[in-house]
Amino acid sequence: MKFCVDKSVEVELQPQTNNDEKMKWVVSCCPMKKCGTLMKRLGKGWSSFSSNQNLKSGDVCVFEMIPNLNDNGDLVFRVWIYRAANYE
């Protein structure tokens, strides 16, 4: 995620669902250092996204970066959610 190496940016998350409903959330992506390694952290907006998507411990989110920007110039990610309960 080279796009947010040295500053916070907003990204748009679009969860992929089995219905035709198009939902999207704007979430901040913040750089942080942990043990000397630069990492990215989803911040403001993530709580709303995870709550609305009913994410549980063990669920896996796969982020697919879309090659184009949204109308606000934000990067867009499709989010594929794999529920842990489906694989027990």
PDB file of N, CA and C in Angstrom:
ATOM      1  N   MET A   1       0.839  -1.172   0.000  1.00  0.00           N
ATOM      2  CA  MET A   1       0.000   0.000   0.000  1.00  0.00           C
ATOM      3  C   MET A   1       0.886   1.238   0.000  1.00  0.00           C
ATOM      4  N   LYS A   2       1.601   1.446  -1.030  1.00  0.00           N
ATOM      5  CA  LYS A   2       2.534   2.550  -1.120  1.00  0.00           C
ATOM      6  C   LYS A   2       1.827   3.902  -1.077  1.00  0.00           C
ATOM      7  N   PHE A   3       0.529   3.922  -1.351  1.00  0.00           N
ATOM      8  CA  PHE A   3      -0.223   5.167  -1.437  1.00  0.00           C
ATOM      9  C   PHE A   3      -0.317   5.914  -0.120  1.00  0.00           C
ATOM     10  N   CYS A   4      -0.144   5.266   1.010  1.00  0.00           N
ATOM     11  CA  CYS A   4      -0.247   5.989   2.298  1.00  0.00           C
ATOM     12  C   CYS A   4       1.003   5.762   3.136  1.00  0.00           C
ATOM     13  N   VAL A   5       2.166   5.883   2.499  1.00  0.00           N
ATOM     14  CA  VAL A   5       3.418   5.617   3.199  1.00  0.00           C
ATOM     15  C   VAL A   5       3.674   6.641   4.291  1.00  0.00           C
ATOM     16  N   ASP A   6       3.508   7.928   3.991  1.00  0.00           N
ATOM     17  CA  ASP A   6       3.913   8.946   4.956  1.00  0.00           C
ATOM     18  C   ASP A   6       2.780   9.833   5.451  1.00  0.00           C
ATOM     19  N   LYS A   7       1.553   9.586   5.039  1.00  0.00           N
ATOM     20  CA  LYS A   7       0.435  10.400   5.513  1.00  0.00           C
ATOM     21  C   LYS A   7      -0.850   9.579   5.510  1.00  0.00           C
ATOM     22  N   SER A   8      -1.824  10.064   6.255  1.00  0.00           N
ATOM     23  CA  SER A   8      -3.135   9.410   6.279  1.00  0.00           C
ATOM     24  C   SER A   8      -3.905   9.795   5.022  1.00  0.00           C
ATOM     25  N   VAL A   9      -4.599   8.838   4.452  1.00  0.00           N
ATOM     26  CA  VAL A   9      -5.453   9.097   3.292  1.00  0.00           C
ATOM     27  C   VAL A   9      -6.795   8.416   3.525  1.00  0.00           C
ATOM     28  N   GLU A  10      -7.787   8.858   2.785  1.00  0.00           N
ATOM     29  CA  GLU A  10      -9.085   8.202   2.857  1.00  0.00           C
ATOM     30  C   GLU A  10      -9.214   7.239   1.689  1.00  0.00           C
ATOM     31  N   VAL A  11      -9.767   6.070   1.968  1.00  0.00           N
ATOM     32  CA  VAL A  11     -10.028   5.073   0.939  1.00  0.00           C
ATOM     33  C   VAL A  11     -11.505   4.705   1.012  1.00  0.00           C
ATOM     34  N   GLU A  12     -12.034   4.260  -0.100  1.00  0.00           N
ATOM     35  CA  GLU A  12     -13.433   3.826  -0.146  1.00  0.00           C
ATOM     36  C   GLU A  12     -13.475   2.309  -0.136  1.00  0.00           C
ATOM     37  N   LEU A  13     -14.294   1.741   0.746  1.00  0.00           N
ATOM     38  CA  LEU A  13     -14.461   0.291   0.827  1.00  0.00           C
ATOM     39  C   LEU A  13     -15.824  -0.080   0.276  1.00  0.00           C
ATOM     40  N   GLN A  14     -15.859  -1.056  -0.627  1.00  0.00           N
ATOM     41  CA  GLN A  14     -17.106  -1.545  -1.216  1.00  0.00           C
ATOM     42  C   GLN A  14     -17.211  -3.038  -0.944  1.00  0.00           C
ATOM     43  N   PRO A  15     -17.999  -3.419   0.063  1.00  0.00           N
ATOM     44  CA  PRO A  15     -18.140  -4.853   0.338  1.00  0.00           C
ATOM     45  C   PRO A  15     -18.868  -5.556  -0.796  1.00  0.00           C
ATOM     46  N   GLN A  16     -18.392  -6.746  -1.156  1.00  0.00           N
ATOM     47  CA  GLN A  16     -19.026  -7.537  -2.206  1.00  0.00           C
ATOM     48  C   GLN A  16     -20.061  -8.441  -1.558  1.00  0.00           C
ATOM     49  N   THR A  17     -21.298  -8.293  -1.971  1.00  0.00           N
ATOM     50  CA  THR A  17     -22.395  -9.050  -1.378  1.00  0.00           C
ATOM     51  C   THR A  17     -23.084  -9.885  -2.444  1.00  0.00           C
ATOM     52  N   ASN A  18     -23.955 -10.759  -2.002  1.00  0.00           N
ATOM     53  CA  ASN A  18     -24.701 -11.614  -2.929  1.00  0.00           C
ATOM     54  C   ASN A  18     -25.909 -10.905  -3.526  1.00  0.00           C
ATOM     55  N   ASN A  19     -26.200  -9.699  -3.063  1.00  0.00           N
ATOM     56  CA  ASN A  19     -27.320  -8.964  -3.645  1.00  0.00           C
ATOM     57  C   ASN A  19     -26.789  -7.801  -4.475  1.00  0.00           C
ATOM     58  N   ASP A  20     -27.678  -7.076  -5.100  1.00  0.00           N
ATOM     59  CA  ASP A  20     -27.272  -5.983  -5.987  1.00  0.00           C
ATOM     60  C   ASP A  20     -27.070  -4.658  -5.256  1.00  0.00           C
ATOM     61  N   GLU A  21     -27.235  -4.660  -3.945  1.00  0.00           N
ATOM     62  CA  GLU A  21     -27.103  -3.427  -3.177  1.00  0.00           C
ATOM     63  C   GLU A  21     -25.650  -2.953  -3.207  1.00  0.00           C
ATOM     64  N   LYS A  22     -25.452  -1.717  -3.639  1.00  0.00           N
ATOM     65  CA  LYS A  22     -24.106  -1.135  -3.699  1.00  0.00           C
ATOM     66  C   LYS A  22     -23.892  -0.281  -2.457  1.00  0.00           C
ATOM     67  N   MET A  23     -23.038  -0.746  -1.564  1.00  0.00           N
ATOM     68  CA  MET A  23     -22.741  -0.011  -0.342  1.00  0.00           C
ATOM     69  C   MET A  23     -21.287   0.418  -0.380  1.00  0.00           C
ATOM     70  N   LYS A  24     -20.999   1.543   0.274  1.00  0.00           N
ATOM     71  CA  LYS A  24     -19.611   1.983   0.346  1.00  0.00           C
ATOM     72  C   LYS A  24     -19.393   2.809   1.602  1.00  0.00           C
ATOM     73  N   TRP A  25     -18.176   2.707   2.109  1.00  0.00           N
ATOM     74  CA  TRP A  25     -17.758   3.437   3.299  1.00  0.00           C
ATOM     75  C   TRP A  25     -16.441   4.122   3.003  1.00  0.00           C
ATOM     76  N   VAL A  26     -16.268   5.322   3.540  1.00  0.00           N
ATOM     77  CA  VAL A  26     -14.978   6.004   3.462  1.00  0.00           C
ATOM     78  C   VAL A  26     -14.270   5.772   4.793  1.00  0.00           C
ATOM     79  N   VAL A  27     -13.053   5.245   4.695  1.00  0.00           N
ATOM     80  CA  VAL A  27     -12.276   4.854   5.871  1.00  0.00           C
ATOM     81  C   VAL A  27     -10.887   5.470   5.752  1.00  0.00           C
ATOM     82  N   SER A  28     -10.337   5.944   6.864  1.00  0.00           N
ATOM     83  CA  SER A  28      -8.982   6.489   6.817  1.00  0.00           C
ATOM     84  C   SER A  28      -7.963   5.354   6.881  1.00  0.00           C
ATOM     85  N   CYS A  29      -6.878   5.536   6.159  1.00  0.00           N
ATOM     86  CA  CYS A  29      -5.763   4.585   6.162  1.00  0.00           C
ATOM     87  C   CYS A  29      -4.557   5.354   6.682  1.00  0.00           C
ATOM     88  N   CYS A  30      -4.059   4.941   7.836  1.00  0.00           N
ATOM     89  CA  CYS A  30      -3.011   5.686   8.539  1.00  0.00           C
ATOM     90  C   CYS A  30      -1.718   4.885   8.601  1.00  0.00           C
ATOM     91  N   PRO A  31      -0.582   5.536   8.325  1.00  0.00           N
ATOM     92  CA  PRO A  31       0.697   4.847   8.500  1.00  0.00           C
ATOM     93  C   PRO A  31       1.072   4.796   9.975  1.00  0.00           C
ATOM     94  N   MET A  32       1.743   3.739  10.369  1.00  0.00           N
ATOM     95  CA  MET A  32       2.235   3.619  11.744  1.00  0.00           C
ATOM     96  C   MET A  32       3.467   2.727  11.744  1.00  0.00           C
ATOM     97  N   LYS A  33       4.328   2.931  12.710  1.00  0.00           N
ATOM     98  CA  LYS A  33       5.509   2.076  12.854  1.00  0.00           C
ATOM     99  C   LYS A  33       5.308   1.166  14.038  1.00  0.00           C
ATOM    100  N   LYS A  34       5.648  -0.099  13.836  1.00  0.00           N
ATOM    101  CA  LYS A  34       5.592  -1.079  14.917  1.00  0.00           C
ATOM    102  C   LYS A  34       6.857  -1.921  14.818  1.00  0.00           C
ATOM    103  N   CYS A  35       7.629  -1.917  15.876  1.00  0.00           N
ATOM    104  CA  CYS A  35       8.900  -2.666  15.905  1.00  0.00           C
ATOM    105  C   CYS A  35       9.788  -2.286  14.725  1.00  0.00           C
ATOM    106  N   GLY A  36       9.787  -1.000  14.360  1.00  0.00           N
ATOM    107  CA  GLY A  36      10.635  -0.520  13.280  1.00  0.00           C
ATOM    108  C   GLY A  36      10.106  -0.786  11.887  1.00  0.00           C
ATOM    109  N   THR A  37       8.929  -1.395  11.770  1.00  0.00           N
ATOM    110  CA  THR A  37       8.351  -1.707  10.466  1.00  0.00           C
ATOM    111  C   THR A  37       7.174  -0.779  10.189  1.00  0.00           C
ATOM    112  N   LEU A  38       7.154  -0.172   9.002  1.00  0.00           N
ATOM    113  CA  LEU A  38       6.043   0.693   8.615  1.00  0.00           C
ATOM    114  C   LEU A  38       4.843  -0.170   8.248  1.00  0.00           C
ATOM    115  N   MET A  39       3.721   0.109   8.900  1.00  0.00           N
ATOM    116  CA  MET A  39       2.494  -0.652   8.660  1.00  0.00           C
ATOM    117  C   MET A  39       1.367   0.325   8.352  1.00  0.00           C
ATOM    118  N   LYS A  40       0.244  -0.194   7.872  1.00  0.00           N
ATOM    119  CA  LYS A  40      -0.948   0.608   7.622  1.00  0.00           C
ATOM    120  C   LYS A  40      -2.041   0.168   8.575  1.00  0.00           C
ATOM    121  N   ARG A  41      -2.849   1.126   9.001  1.00  0.00           N
ATOM    122  CA  ARG A  41      -3.933   0.840   9.938  1.00  0.00           C
ATOM    123  C   ARG A  41      -5.189   1.516   9.430  1.00  0.00           C
ATOM    124  N   LEU A  42      -6.291   0.782   9.413  1.00  0.00           N
ATOM    125  CA  LEU A  42      -7.569   1.387   9.060  1.00  0.00           C
ATOM    126  C   LEU A  42      -8.104   2.079  10.298  1.00  0.00           C
ATOM    127  N   GLY A  43      -8.471   3.348  10.160  1.00  0.00           N
ATOM    128  CA  GLY A  43      -8.889   4.138  11.311  1.00  0.00           C
ATOM    129  C   GLY A  43     -10.341   4.563  11.221  1.00  0.00           C
ATOM    130  N   LYS A  44     -10.548   5.866  11.243  1.00  0.00           N
ATOM    131  CA  LYS A  44     -11.892   6.439  11.269  1.00  0.00           C
ATOM    132  C   LYS A  44     -12.752   5.850  10.154  1.00  0.00           C
ATOM    133  N   GLY A  45     -13.900   5.334  10.512  1.00  0.00           N
ATOM    134  CA  GLY A  45     -14.815   4.733   9.551  1.00  0.00           C
ATOM    135  C   GLY A  45     -14.803   3.215   9.584  1.00  0.00           C
ATOM    136  N   TRP A  46     -13.695   2.620  10.075  1.00  0.00           N
ATOM    137  CA  TRP A  46     -13.598   1.156  10.111  1.00  0.00           C
ATOM    138  C   TRP A  46     -14.611   0.551  11.067  1.00  0.00           C
ATOM    139  N   SER A  47     -14.802   1.167  12.206  1.00  0.00           N
ATOM    140  CA  SER A  47     -15.750   0.645  13.195  1.00  0.00           C
ATOM    141  C   SER A  47     -17.160   0.567  12.613  1.00  0.00           C
ATOM    142  N   SER A  48     -17.557   1.603  11.895  1.00  0.00           N
ATOM    143  CA  SER A  48     -18.878   1.619  11.259  1.00  0.00           C
ATOM    144  C   SER A  48     -18.981   0.523  10.202  1.00  0.00           C
ATOM    145  N   PHE A  49     -17.925   0.376   9.385  1.00  0.00           N
ATOM    146  CA  PHE A  49     -17.904  -0.654   8.348  1.00  0.00           C
ATOM    147  C   PHE A  49     -18.009  -2.043   8.964  1.00  0.00           C
ATOM    148  N   SER A  50     -17.154  -2.324   9.961  1.00  0.00           N
ATOM    149  CA  SER A  50     -17.122  -3.672  10.542  1.00  0.00           C
ATOM    150  C   SER A  50     -18.416  -3.997  11.277  1.00  0.00           C
ATOM    151  N   SER A  51     -19.004  -3.002  11.913  1.00  0.00           N
ATOM    152  CA  SER A  51     -20.276  -3.213  12.607  1.00  0.00           C
ATOM    153  C   SER A  51     -21.397  -3.492  11.613  1.00  0.00           C
ATOM    154  N   ASN A  52     -21.475  -2.684  10.564  1.00  0.00           N
ATOM    155  CA  ASN A  52     -22.522  -2.864   9.564  1.00  0.00           C
ATOM    156  C   ASN A  52     -22.389  -4.189   8.840  1.00  0.00           C
ATOM    157  N   GLN A  53     -21.153  -4.639   8.625  1.00  0.00           N
ATOM    158  CA  GLN A  53     -20.915  -5.904   7.931  1.00  0.00           C
ATOM    159  C   GLN A  53     -20.950  -7.090   8.889  1.00  0.00           C
ATOM    160  N   ASN A  54     -21.192  -6.811  10.166  1.00  0.00           N
ATOM    161  CA  ASN A  54     -21.317  -7.850  11.193  1.00  0.00           C
ATOM    162  C   ASN A  54     -20.070  -8.743  11.251  1.00  0.00           C
ATOM    163  N   LEU A  55     -18.892  -8.100  11.187  1.00  0.00           N
ATOM    164  CA  LEU A  55     -17.646  -8.863  11.236  1.00  0.00           C
ATOM    165  C   LEU A  55     -17.450  -9.453  12.624  1.00  0.00           C
ATOM    166  N   LYS A  56     -17.029 -10.699  12.656  1.00  0.00           N
ATOM    167  CA  LYS A  56     -16.783 -11.424  13.903  1.00  0.00           C
ATOM    168  C   LYS A  56     -15.325 -11.873  13.941  1.00  0.00           C
ATOM    169  N   SER A  57     -14.861 -12.214  15.128  1.00  0.00           N
ATOM    170  CA  SER A  57     -13.514 -12.733  15.285  1.00  0.00           C
ATOM    171  C   SER A  57     -13.353 -13.980  14.413  1.00  0.00           C
ATOM    172  N   GLY A  58     -12.281 -14.017  13.622  1.00  0.00           N
ATOM    173  CA  GLY A  58     -12.032 -15.154  12.739  1.00  0.00           C
ATOM    174  C   GLY A  58     -12.446 -14.904  11.303  1.00  0.00           C
ATOM    175  N   ASP A  59     -13.338 -13.929  11.066  1.00  0.00           N
ATOM    176  CA  ASP A  59     -13.710 -13.585   9.692  1.00  0.00           C
ATOM    177  C   ASP A  59     -12.484 -13.012   8.986  1.00  0.00           C
ATOM    178  N   VAL A  60     -12.406 -13.217   7.682  1.00  0.00           N
ATOM    179  CA  VAL A  60     -11.273 -12.738   6.895  1.00  0.00           C
ATOM    180  C   VAL A  60     -11.780 -11.756   5.849  1.00  0.00           C
ATOM    181  N   CYS A  61     -11.103 -10.604   5.747  1.00  0.00           N
ATOM    182  CA  CYS A  61     -11.416  -9.619   4.711  1.00  0.00           C
ATOM    183  C   CYS A  61     -10.260  -9.595   3.717  1.00  0.00           C
ATOM    184  N   VAL A  62     -10.583  -9.693   2.442  1.00  0.00           N
ATOM    185  CA  VAL A  62      -9.589  -9.588   1.375  1.00  0.00           C
ATOM    186  C   VAL A  62      -9.874  -8.285   0.640  1.00  0.00           C
ATOM    187  N   PHE A  63      -8.861  -7.420   0.544  1.00  0.00           N
ATOM    188  CA  PHE A  63      -9.016  -6.113  -0.078  1.00  0.00           C
ATOM    189  C   PHE A  63      -8.453  -6.151  -1.495  1.00  0.00           C
ATOM    190  N   GLU A  64      -9.288  -5.833  -2.471  1.00  0.00           N
ATOM    191  CA  GLU A  64      -8.881  -5.798  -3.880  1.00  0.00           C
ATOM    192  C   GLU A  64      -8.890  -4.343  -4.333  1.00  0.00           C
ATOM    193  N   MET A  65      -7.708  -3.797  -4.652  1.00  0.00           N
ATOM    194  CA  MET A  65      -7.641  -2.406  -5.074  1.00  0.00           C
ATOM    195  C   MET A  65      -8.161  -2.270  -6.503  1.00  0.00           C
ATOM    196  N   ILE A  66      -9.108  -1.345  -6.681  1.00  0.00           N
ATOM    197  CA  ILE A  66      -9.679  -1.049  -7.995  1.00  0.00           C
ATOM    198  C   ILE A  66      -8.733  -0.058  -8.675  1.00  0.00           C
ATOM    199  N   PRO A  67      -8.463  -0.222  -9.976  1.00  0.00           N
ATOM    200  CA  PRO A  67      -7.474   0.636 -10.622  1.00  0.00           C
ATOM    201  C   PRO A  67      -7.875   2.109 -10.762  1.00  0.00           C
ATOM    202  N   ASN A  68      -9.150   2.445 -10.613  1.00  0.00           N
ATOM    203  CA  ASN A  68      -9.545   3.845 -10.769  1.00  0.00           C
ATOM    204  C   ASN A  68      -9.955   4.447  -9.427  1.00  0.00           C
ATOM    205  N   LEU A  69      -9.976   5.782  -9.355  1.00  0.00           N
ATOM    206  CA  LEU A  69     -10.352   6.501  -8.145  1.00  0.00           C
ATOM    207  C   LEU A  69     -11.841   6.807  -8.175  1.00  0.00           C
ATOM    208  N   ASN A  70     -12.418   7.107  -7.005  1.00  0.00           N
ATOM    209  CA  ASN A  70     -13.818   7.514  -6.986  1.00  0.00           C
ATOM    210  C   ASN A  70     -13.919   9.000  -7.324  1.00  0.00           C
ATOM    211  N   ASP A  71     -15.120   9.555  -7.259  1.00  0.00           N
ATOM    212  CA  ASP A  71     -15.341  10.959  -7.627  1.00  0.00           C
ATOM    213  C   ASP A  71     -14.575  11.936  -6.739  1.00  0.00           C
ATOM    214  N   ASN A  72     -14.244  11.539  -5.524  1.00  0.00           N
ATOM    215  CA  ASN A  72     -13.496  12.402  -4.600  1.00  0.00           C
ATOM    216  C   ASN A  72     -11.988  12.227  -4.727  1.00  0.00           C
ATOM    217  N   GLY A  73     -11.543  11.360  -5.613  1.00  0.00           N
ATOM    218  CA  GLY A  73     -10.118  11.095  -5.768  1.00  0.00           C
ATOM    219  C   GLY A  73      -9.572  10.082  -4.784  1.00  0.00           C
ATOM    220  N   ASP A  74     -10.461   9.398  -4.046  1.00  0.00           N
ATOM    221  CA  ASP A  74     -10.037   8.374  -3.088  1.00  0.00           C
ATOM    222  C   ASP A  74      -9.795   7.051  -3.803  1.00  0.00           C
ATOM    223  N   LEU A  75      -8.839   6.282  -3.300  1.00  0.00           N
ATOM    224  CA  LEU A  75      -8.656   4.919  -3.789  1.00  0.00           C
ATOM    225  C   LEU A  75      -9.861   4.086  -3.394  1.00  0.00           C
ATOM    226  N   VAL A  76     -10.183   3.103  -4.225  1.00  0.00           N
ATOM    227  CA  VAL A  76     -11.347   2.252  -3.974  1.00  0.00           C
ATOM    228  C   VAL A  76     -10.889   0.807  -3.835  1.00  0.00           C
ATOM    229  N   PHE A  77     -11.401   0.127  -2.810  1.00  0.00           N
ATOM    230  CA  PHE A  77     -11.117  -1.283  -2.583  1.00  0.00           C
ATOM    231  C   PHE A  77     -12.420  -2.058  -2.542  1.00  0.00           C
ATOM    232  N   ARG A  78     -12.485  -3.144  -3.302  1.00  0.00           N
ATOM    233  CA  ARG A  78     -13.557  -4.113  -3.101  1.00  0.00           C
ATOM    234  C   ARG A  78     -13.142  -4.942  -1.894  1.00  0.00           C
ATOM    235  N   VAL A  79     -14.108  -5.255  -1.040  1.00  0.00           N
ATOM    236  CA  VAL A  79     -13.802  -6.048   0.153  1.00  0.00           C
ATOM    237  C   VAL A  79     -14.585  -7.350   0.082  1.00  0.00           C
ATOM    238  N   TRP A  80     -13.860  -8.452   0.023  1.00  0.00           N
ATOM    239  CA  TRP A  80     -14.458  -9.788   0.009  1.00  0.00           C
ATOM    240  C   TRP A  80     -14.406 -10.312   1.432  1.00  0.00           C
ATOM    241  N   ILE A  81     -15.552 -10.683   1.983  1.00  0.00           N
ATOM    242  CA  ILE A  81     -15.633 -11.128   3.370  1.00  0.00           C
ATOM    243  C   ILE A  81     -15.903 -12.627   3.405  1.00  0.00           C
ATOM    244  N   TYR A  82     -15.015 -13.348   4.078  1.00  0.00           N
ATOM    245  CA  TYR A  82     -15.163 -14.792   4.256  1.00  0.00           C
ATOM    246  C   TYR A  82     -15.465 -15.041   5.730  1.00  0.00           C
ATOM    247  N   ARG A  83     -16.644 -15.554   5.993  1.00  0.00           N
ATOM    248  CA  ARG A  83     -17.115 -15.752   7.363  1.00  0.00           C
ATOM    249  C   ARG A  83     -16.523 -17.026   7.962  1.00  0.00           C
ATOM    250  N   ALA A  84     -15.916 -16.896   9.140  1.00  0.00           N
ATOM    251  CA  ALA A  84     -15.336 -18.054   9.827  1.00  0.00           C
ATOM    252  C   ALA A  84     -16.390 -19.122  10.078  1.00  0.00           C
ATOM    253  N   ALA A  85     -17.613 -18.701  10.378  1.00  0.00           N
ATOM    254  CA  ALA A  85     -18.694 -19.652  10.677  1.00  0.00           C
ATOM    255  C   ALA A  85     -19.003 -20.566   9.494  1.00  0.00           C
ATOM    256  N   ASN A  86     -18.704 -20.115   8.272  1.00  0.00           N
ATOM    257  CA  ASN A  86     -18.960 -20.932   7.081  1.00  0.00           C
ATOM    258  C   ASN A  86     -17.925 -22.035   6.891  1.00  0.00           C
ATOM    259  N   TYR A  87     -16.830 -21.983   7.648  1.00  0.00           N
ATOM    260  CA  TYR A  87     -15.730 -22.935   7.448  1.00  0.00           C
ATOM    261  C   TYR A  87     -15.447 -23.778   8.684  1.00  0.00           C
ATOM    262  N   GLU A  88     -16.366 -23.790   9.637  1.00  0.00           N
ATOM    263  CA  GLU A  88     -16.148 -24.586  10.856  1.00  0.00           C
ATOM    264  C   GLU A  88     -16.538 -26.021  10.637  1.00  0.00           C
TER     265      GLU A  88
END
